[in-house]
Protein backbone atom coordinates (compact mmCIF):
# COMPACT_ATOMS: atom_id res chain seq x y z
CA MET A 1 0.00 0.08 0.10
CA VAL A 2 1.28 3.67 -0.48
CA SER A 3 2.16 5.31 2.29
CA GLY A 4 2.00 8.81 2.94
CA SER A 5 1.43 11.74 5.65
CA TYR A 6 -2.67 11.30 5.28
CA LEU A 7 -4.77 12.46 8.63
CA VAL A 8 -7.65 9.83 7.81
CA THR A 9 -6.82 6.47 7.01
CA PRO A 10 -7.92 3.29 6.56
CA GLN A 11 -6.09 2.21 9.39
CA GLN A 12 -8.11 4.04 11.90
CA THR A 13 -11.11 3.02 10.96
CA LEU A 14 -10.21 -0.72 11.11
CA ALA A 15 -8.76 -0.05 14.85
CA VAL A 16 -12.01 1.53 15.54
CA ALA A 17 -13.79 -1.24 14.10
CA ARG A 18 -11.30 -3.84 16.20
CA GLN A 19 -12.19 -1.98 19.54
CA SER A 20 -15.90 -2.81 18.79
CA GLY A 21 -15.10 -6.61 18.79
CA LEU A 22 -14.55 -7.52 14.91
CA ASP A 23 -11.62 -9.27 14.87
CA ASP A 24 -9.28 -9.81 12.39
CA GLU A 25 -10.69 -12.94 11.33
CA ARG A 26 -13.35 -11.13 10.56
CA LEU A 27 -12.01 -8.14 8.47
CA ALA A 28 -8.96 -9.92 6.99
CA LEU A 29 -10.27 -10.67 3.36
CA ASP A 30 -8.71 -12.93 0.79
CA GLY A 31 -9.39 -13.30 -2.62
CA ILE A 32 -12.02 -10.75 -4.75
CA ALA A 33 -14.02 -8.25 -4.04
CA VAL A 34 -17.13 -7.48 -6.37
CA LEU A 35 -18.52 -3.87 -5.95
CA THR A 36 -21.96 -3.93 -7.54
CA PHE A 37 -25.18 -1.93 -7.09
CA SER A 38 -27.68 -4.56 -9.03
CA ARG A 39 -30.08 -6.72 -7.20
CA GLY A 40 -29.62 -9.40 -10.26
CA VAL A 41 -25.73 -9.70 -9.71
CA MET A 42 -25.55 -9.73 -6.45
CA GLU A 43 -28.06 -12.54 -6.27
CA ARG A 44 -26.45 -14.51 -8.96
CA LEU A 45 -23.70 -14.39 -6.69
CA GLU A 46 -25.29 -15.64 -3.82
CA GLU A 47 -26.09 -18.51 -5.56
CA LEU A 48 -22.90 -19.67 -6.90
CA CYS A 49 -21.01 -18.49 -4.10
CA GLY A 50 -23.31 -18.74 -0.97
CA LEU A 51 -22.82 -15.51 0.29
CA ALA A 52 -24.29 -14.75 3.46
CA ASP A 53 -24.35 -11.48 5.46
CA ALA A 54 -21.27 -10.68 6.79
CA LYS A 55 -19.97 -8.39 9.63
CA TRP A 56 -17.20 -6.46 8.30
CA LEU A 57 -16.86 -2.55 8.00
CA SER A 58 -20.21 -1.09 8.80
CA PRO A 59 -21.48 2.80 9.51
CA LEU A 60 -20.56 1.52 13.08
CA HIS A 61 -17.12 2.17 12.46
CA HIS A 62 -16.95 4.47 9.30
CA PRO A 63 -15.97 8.00 9.42
CA TYR A 64 -17.84 8.41 6.32
CA ALA A 65 -18.62 5.89 3.40
CA ALA A 66 -18.92 2.30 4.33
CA SER A 67 -20.89 -0.52 2.26
CA HIS A 68 -25.10 -0.78 2.66
CA VAL A 69 -24.80 -4.76 2.35
CA THR A 70 -21.65 -6.85 2.96
CA LYS A 71 -21.97 -10.62 1.66
CA ARG A 72 -19.07 -13.40 1.84
CA GLY A 73 -18.63 -16.85 0.35
CA THR A 74 -16.64 -18.76 -1.87
CA PHE A 75 -16.28 -19.99 -5.45
CA GLN A 76 -14.26 -22.79 -6.23
CA GLY A 77 -12.53 -22.40 -3.05
CA LEU A 78 -12.01 -18.42 -3.78
CA ASP A 79 -12.81 -16.37 -1.21
CA VAL A 80 -15.39 -13.75 -2.33
CA ILE A 81 -16.96 -10.83 -0.85
CA ALA A 82 -19.74 -9.01 -2.73
CA LEU A 83 -20.85 -5.67 -1.71
CA VAL A 84 -23.13 -2.58 -2.38
CA PRO A 85 -21.26 0.00 -1.75
CA PRO A 86 -22.86 4.14 -1.88
CA MET A 87 -23.10 5.22 -5.11
CA GLY A 88 -20.40 7.76 -6.37
CA ALA A 89 -16.89 7.83 -7.18
CA SER A 90 -15.74 9.67 -3.86
CA PRO A 91 -16.94 7.04 -1.19
CA LEU A 92 -16.39 4.34 -3.61
CA ALA A 93 -13.23 5.35 -3.11
CA CYS A 94 -12.95 5.01 1.01
CA VAL A 95 -14.85 1.06 0.64
CA VAL A 96 -11.88 0.35 -2.27
CA GLU A 97 -9.03 1.43 -0.05
CA ASP A 98 -10.90 -0.42 3.17
CA LEU A 99 -10.88 -3.76 0.77
CA VAL A 100 -6.88 -3.32 0.01
CA ALA A 101 -5.91 -2.99 3.44
CA CYS A 102 -7.97 -5.82 4.77
CA GLY A 103 -6.12 -8.07 2.12
CA ALA A 104 -8.30 -7.93 -1.52
CA GLN A 105 -6.13 -8.94 -4.07
CA ALA A 106 -8.58 -7.73 -6.93
CA ILE A 107 -11.84 -5.57 -7.19
CA PHE A 108 -14.06 -5.70 -9.75
CA LEU A 109 -17.64 -2.88 -10.37
CA VAL A 110 -20.19 -4.90 -12.22
CA CYS A 111 -22.90 -3.32 -12.89
CA ALA A 112 -24.83 -1.35 -15.43
CA ALA A 113 -23.69 1.51 -17.60
CA TRP A 114 -24.83 4.70 -20.28
CA SER A 115 -24.65 3.36 -23.48
CA LEU A 116 -23.42 5.65 -26.26
CA GLY A 117 -24.96 3.29 -28.92
CA PRO A 118 -23.92 1.06 -31.29
CA PRO A 119 -22.49 -1.28 -31.63
CA VAL A 120 -23.60 -1.76 -27.73
CA GLN A 121 -26.64 -3.21 -27.70
CA PHE A 122 -28.97 -4.08 -24.49
CA GLY A 123 -27.67 -7.48 -23.55
CA ASP A 124 -24.19 -6.97 -24.52
CA LEU A 125 -21.03 -6.65 -21.89
CA ILE A 126 -18.75 -3.79 -21.94
CA VAL A 127 -15.29 -4.54 -20.30
CA PRO A 128 -13.41 -0.64 -20.37
CA ALA A 129 -9.82 -0.97 -21.68
CA PHE A 130 -9.68 2.71 -20.13
CA SER A 131 -11.83 5.34 -18.94
CA ALA A 132 -11.41 9.13 -19.57
CA GLY A 133 -12.93 12.18 -18.72
CA PRO A 134 -13.00 14.20 -15.69
CA ASP A 135 -14.43 13.28 -12.25
CA GLY A 136 -13.48 14.71 -9.00
CA THR A 137 -11.51 11.71 -7.10
CA SER A 138 -9.49 9.77 -9.21
CA LEU A 139 -7.23 12.53 -9.33
CA HIS A 140 -6.17 12.19 -6.13
CA TYR A 141 -4.97 8.54 -7.09
CA GLY A 142 -2.60 9.68 -10.04
CA ASN A 143 -5.22 10.40 -13.05
CA THR A 144 -4.27 14.06 -13.42
CA ALA A 145 -4.44 13.64 -16.84
CA GLY A 146 -8.14 12.55 -16.85
CA TYR A 147 -7.14 8.91 -18.17
CA VAL A 148 -6.86 6.00 -16.99
CA ALA A 149 -6.05 2.41 -18.48
CA ALA A 150 -7.02 -0.55 -16.88
CA GLY A 151 -4.53 -3.68 -16.49
CA PRO A 152 -4.37 -5.34 -19.87
CA ALA A 153 -4.78 -9.24 -17.94
CA ILE A 154 -7.85 -7.97 -16.35
CA VAL A 155 -9.52 -6.90 -19.32
CA GLU A 156 -8.83 -9.88 -21.23
CA ALA A 157 -9.87 -12.16 -18.11
CA LEU A 158 -13.18 -10.48 -18.34
CA ALA A 159 -13.42 -10.58 -22.25
CA ALA A 160 -12.40 -14.02 -22.66
CA ALA A 161 -14.55 -14.75 -19.74
CA GLY A 162 -17.81 -13.39 -21.36
CA ARG A 163 -17.09 -15.01 -24.85
CA ALA A 164 -17.03 -18.23 -23.07
CA GLN A 165 -19.94 -17.86 -21.74
CA GLY A 166 -21.48 -16.69 -25.23
CA ALA A 167 -22.16 -12.70 -24.68
CA THR A 168 -21.49 -10.21 -26.93
CA VAL A 169 -18.56 -8.68 -25.45
CA HIS A 170 -17.32 -5.10 -26.51
CA MET A 171 -13.55 -3.76 -25.64
CA GLY A 172 -13.52 -0.31 -26.00
CA GLY A 173 -13.53 3.48 -23.36
CA ASN A 174 -15.45 4.45 -20.67
CA GLY A 175 -16.55 8.45 -20.37
CA SER A 176 -16.90 9.84 -16.83
CA CYS A 177 -19.40 12.45 -16.26
CA GLU A 178 -20.72 13.12 -12.64
CA ALA A 179 -23.83 15.33 -13.69
CA LEU A 180 -25.70 13.10 -15.69
CA TYR A 181 -29.05 15.55 -16.23
CA ARG A 182 -25.65 17.64 -18.08
CA ILE A 183 -24.71 15.08 -20.75
CA THR A 184 -24.99 16.70 -24.37
CA PRO A 185 -24.58 15.26 -27.79
CA GLU A 186 -21.42 17.19 -27.81
CA MET A 187 -20.31 15.51 -24.77
CA VAL A 188 -21.12 11.58 -25.94
CA ALA A 189 -19.57 12.46 -29.89
CA ASP A 190 -16.28 13.71 -28.32
CA PHE A 191 -16.07 10.69 -26.22
CA ARG A 192 -17.20 8.10 -29.08
CA ALA A 193 -14.26 10.08 -31.30
CA ARG A 194 -12.09 8.72 -28.50
CA GLY A 195 -13.06 5.24 -28.57
CA CYS A 196 -15.48 5.47 -25.85
CA LEU A 197 -18.75 2.73 -25.76
CA CYS A 198 -20.21 3.79 -22.67
CA MET A 199 -20.38 6.30 -20.02
CA GLU A 200 -21.01 6.47 -15.95
CA ASN A 201 -19.99 8.59 -13.46
CA GLY A 202 -16.54 8.52 -12.33
CA GLU A 203 -16.32 5.15 -10.64
CA ALA A 204 -14.50 3.32 -12.99
CA ASN A 205 -11.74 6.56 -13.58
CA THR A 206 -11.34 6.03 -9.46
CA LEU A 207 -11.26 2.18 -9.48
CA LEU A 208 -8.84 1.71 -12.27
CA ALA A 209 -6.52 4.69 -10.99
CA MET A 210 -6.71 3.16 -7.45
CA ALA A 211 -6.13 -0.32 -9.04
CA ARG A 212 -2.66 1.06 -10.22
CA THR A 213 -1.59 3.39 -7.57
CA LEU A 214 -2.46 0.49 -4.44
CA GLY A 215 -1.05 -2.43 -6.42
CA VAL A 216 -3.96 -4.34 -6.45
CA LEU A 217 -5.96 -6.02 -9.46
CA GLY A 218 -8.92 -4.06 -10.79
CA GLY A 219 -11.42 -4.25 -13.62
CA VAL A 220 -14.50 -3.45 -14.76
CA LEU A 221 -17.82 -4.69 -16.31
CA PHE A 222 -20.40 -3.15 -17.38
CA GLN A 223 -24.03 -3.58 -19.39
CA PRO A 224 -25.77 -0.81 -20.49
CA TYR A 225 -29.50 0.28 -19.39
CA ILE A 226 -29.61 3.72 -20.64
CA GLU A 227 -28.86 4.76 -24.65
CA LEU A 228 -28.17 7.89 -23.98
CA ALA A 229 -29.72 9.37 -27.23
CA GLN A 230 -32.68 7.70 -26.83
CA GLY A 231 -32.81 8.96 -23.16
CA TRP A 232 -34.27 7.10 -20.08
CA ASP A 233 -36.82 4.12 -20.45
CA PRO A 234 -37.38 2.32 -17.13
CA ALA A 235 -39.22 -0.67 -19.21
CA ARG A 236 -35.22 -1.79 -20.06
CA LEU A 237 -34.94 -2.79 -16.16
CA ARG A 238 -38.10 -4.98 -16.39
CA GLU A 239 -37.29 -6.93 -19.37
CA GLU A 240 -35.75 -10.52 -18.81
CA ARG A 241 -33.08 -9.56 -20.98
CA TYR A 242 -31.45 -6.90 -18.52
CA ARG A 243 -31.95 -9.54 -15.48
CA ALA A 244 -30.14 -12.04 -17.38
CA THR A 245 -27.26 -9.76 -18.53
CA CYS A 246 -27.13 -9.45 -14.57
CA ARG A 247 -26.66 -13.17 -13.72
CA LEU A 248 -24.44 -13.36 -16.69
CA GLN A 249 -22.49 -10.35 -15.28
CA ALA A 250 -21.81 -12.34 -11.81
CA GLU A 251 -20.75 -15.49 -13.86
CA VAL A 252 -18.43 -13.66 -15.51
CA VAL A 253 -16.23 -11.90 -12.81
CA LEU A 254 -16.25 -15.41 -11.21
CA GLU A 255 -14.80 -17.27 -14.46
CA ALA A 256 -12.30 -14.36 -15.15
CA SER A 257 -11.09 -14.66 -11.56
CA LEU A 258 -10.39 -18.02 -11.91
CA ARG A 259 -8.45 -17.23 -15.30
CA LEU A 260 -6.27 -14.76 -13.29
CA GLU A 261 -5.69 -17.20 -10.55
CA ARG A 262 -4.83 -19.93 -13.05
CA GLN A 263 -2.16 -17.23 -14.40
CA GLY A 264 -0.77 -17.09 -10.85
CA LEU A 265 -2.06 -13.27 -10.64
CA LEU A 266 -4.04 -13.49 -7.52
CA GLU A 267 -1.96 -14.95 -4.77
CA ARG A 268 -4.82 -15.31 -1.87
CA LYS A 269 -2.53 -13.80 0.56
CA PRO A 270 -4.23 -11.94 3.57
CA ALA A 271 -2.59 -8.44 4.38
CA LEU A 272 -4.09 -6.55 7.30
CA ASP A 273 -2.07 -3.92 8.48
């Protein structure tokens, strides 16, 4: 972990958790963490990993941004923690730092995003190879240029796992904008010209920048739920295709993790400070 003279740290949060009665057996992590806002993704992870509610860092211990839901289980011997964090890049950064401090080796953001249109179709998967655009959080983790690349190994693992499941997988860029109601056609056109396939609110920027800075694996797996040029249609979320793709996302991230393990990129070494 990168050291520095920071005034509030994950180690302080862990100390408070220990003082409240959480021992290292409950705090220590090993394997992968999946961050999602999708009930469908979480439910499929529950089925595949035997997830159960877990006592980990909660609002009782956290100064700012504890997860709403925390569940733990295993998949083919691989430890899995699945969380529903607060939405937004800033709180996500705290959750990621906490996961790294507790020993997580790979962290995935698995949810839905805003499509920039063809070739992406509803029901497809998007694996960002890079994330571009401004946000207020990732710059604190070295992303001062507004562009951060994902690790090639994790991009390829996610894409290969998706294809093995029969999914249509797109690899390209993600654009960030923290103000959904201020996205313009010109902004979309600019991101498309830069090779972006989708947009979201800066969380991908943040996870990818943090993975590079903190020395862990970090990957993103999206599916579209809005095509920006068509506007907001909540009926999409009620379609079986959307729900099936949520389940698929869970399956793909687990298979990708096994691929990374076979490559020797997951060490499974708890690392509590």
